[in-house]
Amino acid sequence: MENDILEKEAAIIDALREEISGNYGNDRGCMIPILQRVQNALSYLPRDAIAMVAAHLGVPVSEVYGVATFYNQFRFNPPGRYPVKVCMGTACHVKGGDIILENFERRLEIKEGETTPDREFSIERVACVGCCALAPVALIGDEVHGHMAPSKVEGLFSRIQIQKEIEERKKNESGN
């Protein structure tokens, strides 16, 4: 599965290489729009894409990486199919947001800012989601889960697994 993902990414990067060479100039002023286009296509900036941008602009990879890391709009890890965001705003922090984050990390066997190898889940710490009355809060995708407790973390993953199985059954039924 991981090889399939990497092959698909390589194909997208090849298509982007052609698009960029035809639609963007080679001056440094094009760097940010090119990086935005790459991230729009891939949802993050993999090393090969950064190298491709550097080659197009005729600058060192370190320069492209330096510009990309300066702006917090750019990601360097692929987002998961189910992005997990744990609120660390004041109310959530006081009510144990850090413990909730640790439980997600332990359950997924990844750290904050990382993505599972199958790219199903990623974990991110966020400043505030604006649901202070529900603290502590976690988001999975766009779904808000309030009054989180360590015991609720496993239940969320069970629910996601059931949803995935239902989707798979529907897909198989419609394909037959």
Protein backbone atom coordinates (compact mmCIF):
# COMPACT_ATOMS: atom_id res chain seq x y z
CA MET A 1 0.00 0.00 0.00
CA GLU A 2 2.81 2.39 0.90
CA ASN A 3 4.49 1.71 -2.47
CA ASP A 4 1.21 2.49 -4.24
CA ILE A 5 1.04 5.82 -2.44
CA LEU A 6 4.64 6.67 -3.35
CA GLU A 7 4.12 5.69 -7.00
CA LYS A 8 1.01 7.88 -7.18
CA GLU A 9 2.93 10.79 -5.64
CA ALA A 10 5.78 10.35 -8.13
CA ALA A 11 3.29 10.47 -11.01
CA ILE A 12 1.74 13.66 -9.61
CA ILE A 13 5.18 15.25 -9.20
CA ASP A 14 6.02 14.37 -12.82
CA ALA A 15 2.77 16.00 -14.00
CA LEU A 16 3.48 19.04 -11.81
CA ARG A 17 6.98 19.32 -13.29
CA GLU A 18 5.47 19.71 -16.75
CA GLU A 19 2.77 22.10 -15.57
CA ILE A 20 5.23 24.27 -13.66
CA SER A 21 7.73 24.48 -16.50
CA GLY A 22 4.94 25.60 -18.82
CA ASN A 23 3.15 28.01 -16.50
CA TYR A 24 5.73 29.50 -14.14
CA GLY A 25 8.89 31.48 -14.72
CA ASN A 26 12.29 30.59 -13.34
CA ASP A 27 12.73 33.61 -11.08
CA ARG A 28 12.68 33.33 -7.29
CA GLY A 29 9.46 35.36 -7.13
CA CYS A 30 7.61 32.31 -8.44
CA MET A 31 8.74 30.10 -5.56
CA ILE A 32 5.78 30.60 -3.22
CA PRO A 33 3.09 30.24 -5.92
CA ILE A 34 4.83 27.06 -7.13
CA LEU A 35 5.03 25.66 -3.59
CA GLN A 36 1.35 26.48 -3.09
CA ARG A 37 0.47 24.67 -6.31
CA VAL A 38 2.50 21.62 -5.28
CA GLN A 39 0.90 21.51 -1.84
CA ASN A 40 -2.54 21.94 -3.36
CA ALA A 41 -1.91 18.87 -5.54
CA LEU A 42 -0.24 16.68 -2.90
CA SER A 43 -1.59 18.12 0.40
CA TYR A 44 2.01 18.54 1.59
CA LEU A 45 5.54 19.18 0.30
CA PRO A 46 7.50 15.95 -0.04
CA ARG A 47 11.28 16.07 -0.50
CA ASP A 48 11.09 15.11 -4.17
CA ALA A 49 8.71 17.99 -4.86
CA ILE A 50 10.98 20.46 -3.06
CA ALA A 51 13.91 19.19 -5.14
CA MET A 52 11.81 19.58 -8.30
CA VAL A 53 10.99 23.20 -7.40
CA ALA A 54 14.67 23.91 -6.68
CA ALA A 55 15.71 22.45 -10.03
CA HIS A 56 13.08 24.49 -11.88
CA LEU A 57 14.20 27.72 -10.23
CA GLY A 58 17.91 26.88 -10.40
CA VAL A 59 18.40 27.38 -6.66
CA PRO A 60 19.68 25.05 -3.92
CA VAL A 61 17.17 22.73 -2.27
CA SER A 62 18.09 24.35 1.04
CA GLU A 63 16.81 27.71 -0.21
CA VAL A 64 13.42 26.28 -1.20
CA TYR A 65 13.21 24.42 2.10
CA GLY A 66 14.17 27.58 4.00
CA VAL A 67 11.41 29.59 2.35
CA ALA A 68 8.84 26.83 2.86
CA THR A 69 9.67 26.42 6.56
CA PHE A 70 9.36 30.16 7.10
CA TYR A 71 5.64 30.09 6.26
CA ASN A 72 3.36 28.00 8.46
CA GLN A 73 0.97 27.38 5.55
CA PHE A 74 3.26 24.64 4.26
CA ARG A 75 3.23 21.06 5.57
CA PHE A 76 6.10 18.60 5.33
CA ASN A 77 4.21 15.50 6.44
CA PRO A 78 1.22 14.14 4.55
CA PRO A 79 -2.09 14.65 6.31
CA GLY A 80 -3.93 11.51 7.27
CA ARG A 81 -7.24 10.52 5.77
CA TYR A 82 -8.54 11.13 9.28
CA PRO A 83 -6.64 14.10 10.69
CA VAL A 84 -6.78 14.20 14.49
CA LYS A 85 -6.51 17.67 16.00
CA VAL A 86 -6.26 18.04 19.74
CA CYS A 87 -7.07 21.45 21.18
CA MET A 88 -4.48 22.96 23.50
CA GLY A 89 -6.26 26.25 24.16
CA THR A 90 -6.41 27.40 27.77
CA ALA A 91 -9.66 25.62 28.70
CA CYS A 92 -8.63 22.36 27.00
CA HIS A 93 -5.12 22.50 28.43
CA VAL A 94 -6.44 23.03 31.96
CA LYS A 95 -8.89 20.14 31.55
CA GLY A 96 -6.24 17.67 30.36
CA GLY A 97 -5.75 18.28 26.65
CA ASP A 98 -2.14 17.10 26.94
CA ILE A 99 -3.32 13.76 28.35
CA ILE A 100 -5.78 13.38 25.45
CA LEU A 101 -2.96 14.12 22.99
CA GLU A 102 -0.75 11.48 24.67
CA ASN A 103 -3.57 8.93 24.38
CA PHE A 104 -3.97 9.57 20.65
CA GLU A 105 -0.20 9.33 20.19
CA ARG A 106 -0.05 6.06 22.12
CA ARG A 107 -3.03 4.56 20.26
CA LEU A 108 -1.70 5.51 16.82
CA GLU A 109 1.96 4.90 17.69
CA ILE A 110 2.98 8.26 16.23
CA LYS A 111 3.86 11.64 17.69
CA GLU A 112 2.22 15.00 17.14
CA GLY A 113 3.02 16.27 13.64
CA GLU A 114 3.36 12.76 12.23
CA THR A 115 1.21 10.56 10.04
CA THR A 116 0.69 6.81 10.29
CA PRO A 117 2.56 4.83 7.60
CA ASP A 118 -0.73 3.90 5.90
CA ARG A 119 -1.66 7.61 5.89
CA GLU A 120 -4.96 6.91 7.60
CA PHE A 121 -4.30 9.17 10.62
CA SER A 122 -2.23 12.22 11.47
CA ILE A 123 -2.03 14.07 14.78
CA GLU A 124 -1.81 17.80 15.20
CA ARG A 125 -1.87 20.09 18.22
CA VAL A 126 -4.05 23.16 17.62
CA ALA A 127 -4.26 26.40 19.60
CA CYS A 128 -8.03 26.70 19.96
CA VAL A 129 -11.06 25.34 18.15
CA GLY A 130 -13.53 27.69 19.81
CA CYS A 131 -15.48 25.08 21.75
CA CYS A 132 -14.22 25.96 25.22
CA ALA A 133 -17.45 24.87 26.92
CA LEU A 134 -16.80 21.34 25.62
CA ALA A 135 -13.19 21.16 26.86
CA PRO A 136 -11.15 19.13 26.35
CA VAL A 137 -11.86 18.89 22.64
CA ALA A 138 -10.50 16.80 19.78
CA LEU A 139 -11.45 16.96 16.12
CA ILE A 140 -11.31 14.01 13.78
CA GLY A 141 -11.73 15.42 10.34
CA ASP A 142 -14.34 18.14 10.81
CA GLU A 143 -16.20 16.33 13.58
CA VAL A 144 -15.89 17.88 17.05
CA HIS A 145 -15.59 15.52 20.02
CA GLY A 146 -16.10 17.33 23.30
CA HIS A 147 -15.58 16.39 26.93
CA MET A 148 -12.84 14.03 25.81
CA ALA A 149 -11.48 11.52 28.27
CA PRO A 150 -8.71 8.98 27.77
CA SER A 151 -11.33 6.22 27.75
CA LYS A 152 -13.12 7.88 24.80
CA VAL A 153 -10.08 7.71 22.49
CA GLU A 154 -10.40 3.97 21.81
CA GLY A 155 -14.14 4.32 21.20
CA LEU A 156 -13.53 6.93 18.50
CA PHE A 157 -11.27 4.55 16.63
CA SER A 158 -13.82 1.75 16.91
CA ARG A 159 -16.43 4.07 15.43
CA ILE A 160 -14.12 5.03 12.55
CA GLN A 161 -13.40 1.35 11.85
CA ILE A 162 -17.13 0.60 11.71
CA GLN A 163 -17.69 3.56 9.35
CA LYS A 164 -14.86 2.32 7.10
CA GLU A 165 -16.39 -1.17 6.99
CA ILE A 166 -19.82 0.25 6.10
CA GLU A 167 -18.28 2.36 3.32
CA GLU A 168 -16.39 -0.66 2.00
CA ARG A 169 -19.57 -2.78 1.97
CA LYS A 170 -21.47 -0.05 0.12
CA LYS A 171 -18.65 0.26 -2.39
CA ASN A 172 -18.59 -3.51 -2.96
CA GLU A 173 -22.38 -3.69 -3.31
CA SER A 174 -22.48 -0.88 -5.86
CA GLY A 175 -19.62 -2.46 -7.83
CA ASN A 176 -21.39 -5.81 -8.14
